[in-house]
N, C-alpha and C. Protein backbone atom coordinates (compact mmCIF):
# COMPACT_ATOMS: atom_id res chain seq x y z
N MET A 1 114.41 76.98 86.22
CA MET A 1 114.14 75.84 85.70
C MET A 1 113.05 75.02 86.81
N GLN A 2 112.20 74.32 86.33
CA GLN A 2 111.30 73.46 87.18
C GLN A 2 111.93 72.25 87.38
N ARG A 3 111.74 71.84 88.63
CA ARG A 3 112.30 70.50 89.00
C ARG A 3 111.24 69.52 88.34
N GLU A 4 111.69 68.16 88.07
CA GLU A 4 111.08 67.00 87.78
C GLU A 4 109.91 66.63 88.73
N ILE A 5 108.74 66.09 88.17
CA ILE A 5 107.58 65.77 89.02
C ILE A 5 108.21 64.61 89.41
N GLN A 6 108.09 64.41 90.84
CA GLN A 6 108.47 63.07 91.53
C GLN A 6 107.39 61.93 91.60
N ASP A 7 106.06 62.50 91.53
CA ASP A 7 104.90 61.51 91.44
C ASP A 7 103.99 61.72 90.38
N PRO A 8 104.24 61.55 89.17
CA PRO A 8 103.14 61.79 88.06
C PRO A 8 101.80 61.30 88.15
N ASP A 9 101.73 60.22 89.01
CA ASP A 9 100.27 59.76 89.12
C ASP A 9 99.47 60.55 90.11
N ALA A 10 100.16 60.81 91.05
CA ALA A 10 99.56 61.89 92.02
C ALA A 10 99.25 63.25 91.47
N VAL A 11 100.24 63.74 90.87
CA VAL A 11 99.91 65.04 90.10
C VAL A 11 98.79 64.98 89.26
N ARG A 12 99.01 64.10 88.33
CA ARG A 12 97.78 63.82 87.49
C ARG A 12 96.42 63.51 88.11
N ALA A 13 96.44 63.02 89.20
CA ALA A 13 95.16 62.82 90.00
C ALA A 13 94.62 64.29 90.56
N VAL A 14 95.63 65.20 91.08
CA VAL A 14 95.17 66.22 91.32
C VAL A 14 94.63 67.20 90.37
N ARG A 15 95.54 67.29 89.27
CA ARG A 15 94.83 67.94 87.87
C ARG A 15 93.67 67.45 87.58
N ASP A 16 93.33 66.26 87.61
CA ASP A 16 91.98 65.79 87.35
C ASP A 16 90.82 66.20 88.31
N ARG A 17 91.42 66.30 89.68
CA ARG A 17 90.24 66.96 90.45
C ARG A 17 90.14 68.32 90.28
N LEU A 18 91.16 68.96 89.99
CA LEU A 18 90.96 70.60 89.57
C LEU A 18 90.11 70.61 88.43
N LYS A 19 90.07 69.81 87.50
CA LYS A 19 89.16 69.97 86.41
C LYS A 19 87.49 69.95 87.03
N ILE A 20 87.28 69.02 87.88
CA ILE A 20 85.88 69.07 88.44
C ILE A 20 85.58 70.31 89.08
N GLU A 21 86.67 70.82 89.80
CA GLU A 21 86.53 72.12 90.51
C GLU A 21 86.27 73.16 89.53
N LEU A 22 86.95 73.26 88.36
CA LEU A 22 86.62 74.21 87.13
C LEU A 22 85.28 74.27 86.77
N ALA A 23 84.77 73.07 86.62
CA ALA A 23 83.57 73.03 86.20
C ALA A 23 82.53 73.71 87.23
N GLU A 24 82.67 73.41 88.54
CA GLU A 24 81.89 73.97 89.45
C GLU A 24 82.05 75.61 89.70
N LEU A 25 83.39 76.06 89.24
CA LEU A 25 83.38 77.54 89.17
C LEU A 25 83.06 78.14 88.00
N ASP A 26 82.81 77.18 86.89
CA ASP A 26 82.01 78.02 85.62
C ASP A 26 80.52 77.68 85.97
N ARG A 27 80.04 76.91 86.62
CA ARG A 27 78.60 76.62 87.15
C ARG A 27 78.41 77.91 87.95
N LEU A 28 79.14 78.42 88.81
CA LEU A 28 78.87 79.40 89.65
C LEU A 28 78.93 80.89 89.01
N GLY A 29 79.52 80.69 87.90
CA GLY A 29 79.84 82.13 87.06
C GLY A 29 81.02 82.80 87.65
N GLU A 30 81.96 82.20 88.24
CA GLU A 30 83.39 82.71 88.69
C GLU A 30 84.37 82.62 87.51
N ASN A 31 84.19 83.50 86.58
CA ASN A 31 84.71 83.17 85.41
C ASN A 31 86.52 83.65 85.53
N MET A 32 86.70 84.83 86.27
CA MET A 32 88.17 85.02 86.53
C MET A 32 88.97 84.03 87.29
N ALA A 33 88.23 83.53 88.14
CA ALA A 33 88.67 82.26 89.04
C ALA A 33 89.03 81.12 88.36
N ALA A 34 87.91 80.84 87.37
CA ALA A 34 88.05 79.69 86.55
C ALA A 34 89.19 79.82 85.41
N LEU A 35 89.22 81.09 84.94
CA LEU A 35 90.46 81.24 83.87
C LEU A 35 91.67 80.92 84.70
N GLU A 36 91.62 81.27 85.74
CA GLU A 36 93.19 81.20 86.47
C GLU A 36 93.42 79.58 86.88
N LEU A 37 92.21 79.14 87.37
CA LEU A 37 92.42 77.57 87.47
C LEU A 37 92.75 76.78 86.37
N ASN A 38 92.12 77.09 85.28
CA ASN A 38 92.29 76.57 84.02
C ASN A 38 94.01 76.80 83.58
N ALA A 39 94.39 77.87 84.05
CA ALA A 39 95.90 78.26 83.75
C ALA A 39 96.87 77.08 84.51
N ALA A 40 96.47 76.95 85.75
CA ALA A 40 97.17 76.00 86.55
C ALA A 40 97.03 74.55 85.97
N ILE A 41 95.80 74.04 85.56
CA ILE A 41 95.62 72.86 84.83
C ILE A 41 96.53 72.74 83.84
N GLU A 42 96.54 73.80 82.94
CA GLU A 42 97.22 73.52 81.71
C GLU A 42 98.85 73.49 82.00
N ASN A 43 99.20 74.17 83.07
CA ASN A 43 100.82 74.13 83.54
C ASN A 43 100.97 72.60 84.08
N LEU A 44 100.24 72.09 84.81
CA LEU A 44 100.36 70.66 85.26
C LEU A 44 100.46 69.80 84.02
N THR A 45 99.45 69.84 83.26
CA THR A 45 99.32 68.94 81.93
C THR A 45 100.66 69.10 81.11
N LEU A 46 101.17 70.37 80.96
CA LEU A 46 102.40 70.55 80.17
C LEU A 46 103.60 69.68 80.91
N ARG A 47 103.57 70.27 82.27
CA ARG A 47 104.80 69.51 83.04
C ARG A 47 104.59 67.88 83.12
N LEU A 48 103.55 67.43 82.90
CA LEU A 48 103.42 66.04 82.89
C LEU A 48 103.63 65.40 81.56
N GLY A 49 104.03 66.30 80.58
CA GLY A 49 104.34 65.89 79.33
C GLY A 49 103.03 65.56 78.36
N GLU A 50 101.88 65.91 78.67
CA GLU A 50 100.65 65.75 78.12
C GLU A 50 100.16 66.76 77.10
N GLN A 51 99.11 66.43 76.41
CA GLN A 51 98.52 67.52 75.68
C GLN A 51 97.26 67.49 76.08
N THR A 52 96.50 68.83 76.04
CA THR A 52 95.28 69.07 76.38
C THR A 52 94.25 68.41 75.30
N SER A 53 93.25 67.59 75.87
CA SER A 53 92.36 66.95 74.74
C SER A 53 91.61 67.94 74.06
N GLU A 54 91.30 67.44 72.84
CA GLU A 54 90.46 68.33 71.93
C GLU A 54 89.05 68.71 72.60
N ALA A 55 88.61 67.57 73.43
CA ALA A 55 87.41 67.84 74.18
C ALA A 55 87.42 69.03 75.06
N ASP A 56 88.76 69.20 75.74
CA ASP A 56 88.81 70.08 76.69
C ASP A 56 88.95 71.44 76.25
N ILE A 57 89.73 71.71 75.01
CA ILE A 57 89.82 72.78 74.30
C ILE A 57 88.49 73.33 73.97
N ALA A 58 87.60 72.46 73.26
CA ALA A 58 86.24 72.80 72.85
C ALA A 58 85.44 73.23 73.93
N ALA A 59 85.38 72.61 74.87
CA ALA A 59 84.64 72.94 76.16
C ALA A 59 85.11 74.23 76.61
N LEU A 60 86.40 74.49 76.71
CA LEU A 60 86.87 75.96 77.07
C LEU A 60 86.47 77.05 76.10
N ALA A 61 86.38 76.92 74.81
CA ALA A 61 86.02 77.64 73.94
C ALA A 61 84.68 77.90 74.08
N ASN A 62 83.75 77.04 74.22
CA ASN A 62 82.41 77.05 74.30
C ASN A 62 82.04 78.02 75.65
N ARG A 63 82.64 77.54 76.51
CA ARG A 63 82.35 78.31 77.83
C ARG A 63 82.66 79.73 77.69
N HIS A 64 83.86 80.21 77.06
CA HIS A 64 84.28 81.68 77.21
C HIS A 64 84.02 82.46 76.04
N PHE A 65 83.91 81.65 74.90
CA PHE A 65 83.85 82.48 73.48
C PHE A 65 82.46 82.34 72.87
N ASN A 66 81.82 81.55 73.43
CA ASN A 66 80.30 81.53 72.65
C ASN A 66 79.17 81.89 73.55
N ASN A 67 79.41 82.61 74.51
CA ASN A 67 78.37 82.94 75.50
C ASN A 67 78.12 84.42 75.02
C-alpha cells in the first residue's frame, strides 16, 4: 500500500515539470523513454486524486497513434 502524499502541492509541481520534460523527449524522438515518463506522470496524477485532462489524452493519442 502506498503512503499518503505529504506535500501535494510539491508533488503536483514536480508532475507538471515532468510534463515539460515529456514534451522534450517527444521532440527528440525518444519514444520509449517518453512512454515510461508518461506512466510516471499518470501514477502521480492518480495518487494526487486527479484525472488526466482530455487535452493530455488527446495529445498522447496524437503523438503515439496518429504518426
